N, C-alpha and C. Protein backbone atom coordinates (compact mmCIF):
# COMPACT_ATOMS: atom_id res chain seq x y z
N MET A 1 0.82 -1.18 0.00
CA MET A 1 0.00 0.00 0.00
C MET A 1 0.87 1.26 0.00
N SER A 2 1.97 1.22 0.73
CA SER A 2 2.83 2.41 0.76
C SER A 2 3.46 2.67 -0.59
N ASP A 3 3.67 1.62 -1.39
CA ASP A 3 4.20 1.81 -2.75
C ASP A 3 3.20 2.60 -3.60
N ILE A 4 1.92 2.29 -3.44
CA ILE A 4 0.88 2.99 -4.19
C ILE A 4 0.84 4.46 -3.77
N ALA A 5 0.89 4.69 -2.46
CA ALA A 5 0.86 6.07 -1.96
C ALA A 5 2.09 6.84 -2.43
N SER A 6 3.23 6.19 -2.42
CA SER A 6 4.46 6.83 -2.85
C SER A 6 4.40 7.21 -4.33
N HIS A 7 3.91 6.29 -5.15
CA HIS A 7 3.76 6.56 -6.58
C HIS A 7 2.76 7.69 -6.82
N ALA A 8 1.64 7.64 -6.12
CA ALA A 8 0.61 8.68 -6.28
C ALA A 8 1.17 10.04 -5.89
N GLU A 9 1.94 10.08 -4.82
CA GLU A 9 2.51 11.36 -4.35
C GLU A 9 3.50 11.92 -5.36
N LYS A 10 4.23 11.03 -6.04
CA LYS A 10 5.19 11.49 -7.05
C LYS A 10 4.48 12.07 -8.26
N THR A 11 3.38 11.42 -8.68
CA THR A 11 2.68 11.88 -9.88
C THR A 11 1.74 13.04 -9.61
N GLN A 12 1.23 13.12 -8.36
CA GLN A 12 0.34 14.22 -8.00
C GLN A 12 0.62 14.63 -6.55
N PRO A 13 1.60 15.52 -6.37
CA PRO A 13 1.97 15.94 -5.02
C PRO A 13 0.76 16.44 -4.23
N GLY A 14 0.68 16.01 -2.98
CA GLY A 14 -0.40 16.44 -2.10
C GLY A 14 -1.60 15.52 -2.09
N ILE A 15 -1.63 14.52 -2.97
CA ILE A 15 -2.80 13.65 -3.08
C ILE A 15 -3.02 12.84 -1.80
N VAL A 16 -1.95 12.40 -1.15
CA VAL A 16 -2.09 11.60 0.07
C VAL A 16 -2.75 12.45 1.16
N ASP A 17 -2.33 13.70 1.29
CA ASP A 17 -2.95 14.59 2.27
C ASP A 17 -4.41 14.85 1.94
N GLU A 18 -4.70 15.01 0.66
CA GLU A 18 -6.07 15.26 0.21
C GLU A 18 -6.98 14.07 0.53
N VAL A 19 -6.49 12.87 0.28
CA VAL A 19 -7.26 11.66 0.59
C VAL A 19 -7.45 11.55 2.10
N GLY A 20 -6.44 11.88 2.86
CA GLY A 20 -6.54 11.85 4.32
C GLY A 20 -7.60 12.82 4.83
N ARG A 21 -7.63 14.01 4.26
CA ARG A 21 -8.65 15.01 4.66
C ARG A 21 -10.04 14.52 4.29
N PHE A 22 -10.19 13.92 3.10
CA PHE A 22 -11.49 13.41 2.68
C PHE A 22 -11.96 12.33 3.64
N TYR A 23 -11.06 11.41 3.99
CA TYR A 23 -11.42 10.35 4.92
C TYR A 23 -11.84 10.93 6.27
N ALA A 24 -11.09 11.91 6.75
CA ALA A 24 -11.41 12.53 8.05
C ALA A 24 -12.80 13.17 8.02
N GLN A 25 -13.15 13.78 6.91
CA GLN A 25 -14.45 14.45 6.80
C GLN A 25 -15.59 13.47 6.56
N HIS A 26 -15.31 12.32 5.97
CA HIS A 26 -16.36 11.38 5.56
C HIS A 26 -16.09 9.96 6.04
N ALA A 27 -15.61 9.81 7.26
CA ALA A 27 -15.25 8.49 7.78
C ALA A 27 -16.44 7.54 7.77
N GLY A 28 -17.62 8.02 8.10
CA GLY A 28 -18.82 7.18 8.10
C GLY A 28 -19.13 6.64 6.71
N LEU A 29 -19.02 7.51 5.71
CA LEU A 29 -19.27 7.09 4.32
C LEU A 29 -18.27 6.02 3.89
N ILE A 30 -17.01 6.20 4.24
CA ILE A 30 -15.98 5.23 3.88
C ILE A 30 -16.28 3.87 4.52
N LYS A 31 -16.73 3.89 5.78
CA LYS A 31 -17.07 2.63 6.46
C LYS A 31 -18.24 1.95 5.79
N VAL A 32 -19.26 2.72 5.40
CA VAL A 32 -20.43 2.14 4.72
C VAL A 32 -20.02 1.54 3.38
N LEU A 33 -19.22 2.27 2.62
CA LEU A 33 -18.77 1.76 1.32
C LEU A 33 -17.92 0.50 1.49
N GLY A 34 -17.07 0.48 2.50
CA GLY A 34 -16.26 -0.70 2.77
C GLY A 34 -17.13 -1.90 3.12
N GLY A 35 -18.16 -1.66 3.94
CA GLY A 35 -19.08 -2.74 4.31
C GLY A 35 -19.84 -3.24 3.11
N ALA A 36 -20.26 -2.33 2.24
CA ALA A 36 -20.98 -2.73 1.02
C ALA A 36 -20.07 -3.54 0.11
N ALA A 37 -18.83 -3.11 -0.04
CA ALA A 37 -17.88 -3.85 -0.89
C ALA A 37 -17.64 -5.25 -0.32
N LEU A 38 -17.54 -5.35 1.00
CA LEU A 38 -17.35 -6.66 1.62
C LEU A 38 -18.56 -7.55 1.39
N ALA A 39 -19.77 -6.99 1.52
CA ALA A 39 -20.99 -7.77 1.30
C ALA A 39 -21.08 -8.28 -0.14
N VAL A 40 -20.74 -7.43 -1.09
CA VAL A 40 -20.76 -7.85 -2.50
C VAL A 40 -19.73 -8.95 -2.74
N THR A 41 -18.55 -8.78 -2.19
CA THR A 41 -17.48 -9.77 -2.36
C THR A 41 -17.90 -11.12 -1.79
N LEU A 42 -18.44 -11.10 -0.57
CA LEU A 42 -18.86 -12.36 0.06
C LEU A 42 -19.99 -13.01 -0.73
N SER A 43 -20.90 -12.21 -1.26
CA SER A 43 -22.00 -12.73 -2.05
C SER A 43 -21.48 -13.41 -3.32
N LYS A 44 -20.53 -12.77 -3.97
CA LYS A 44 -19.94 -13.35 -5.19
C LYS A 44 -19.18 -14.63 -4.88
N MET A 45 -18.48 -14.64 -3.74
CA MET A 45 -17.75 -15.85 -3.35
C MET A 45 -18.72 -17.00 -3.11
N LYS A 46 -19.83 -16.73 -2.44
CA LYS A 46 -20.83 -17.75 -2.18
C LYS A 46 -21.43 -18.26 -3.49
N GLU A 47 -21.70 -17.31 -4.40
CA GLU A 47 -22.25 -17.66 -5.72
C GLU A 47 -21.32 -18.62 -6.44
N ASN A 48 -20.04 -18.31 -6.45
CA ASN A 48 -19.05 -19.13 -7.15
C ASN A 48 -18.86 -20.49 -6.46
N ALA A 49 -19.00 -20.53 -5.14
CA ALA A 49 -18.81 -21.78 -4.41
C ALA A 49 -19.94 -22.76 -4.66
N THR A 50 -21.13 -22.25 -4.99
CA THR A 50 -22.28 -23.13 -5.20
C THR A 50 -22.37 -23.63 -6.63
N ARG A 51 -21.48 -23.22 -7.47
CA ARG A 51 -21.50 -23.66 -8.88
C ARG A 51 -20.85 -24.99 -9.03
């Protein structure tokens, strides 16, 4: 993950700070989106396991 952040910072200076500020302002939204992504992933895994 730090490699991604390092690359992003090189190509767009300040992006890591900007993402950090966004997360700080919208932590609840990020948690909801993460939960939704996990639910979709688990659903797809179950779907594939029953085939």
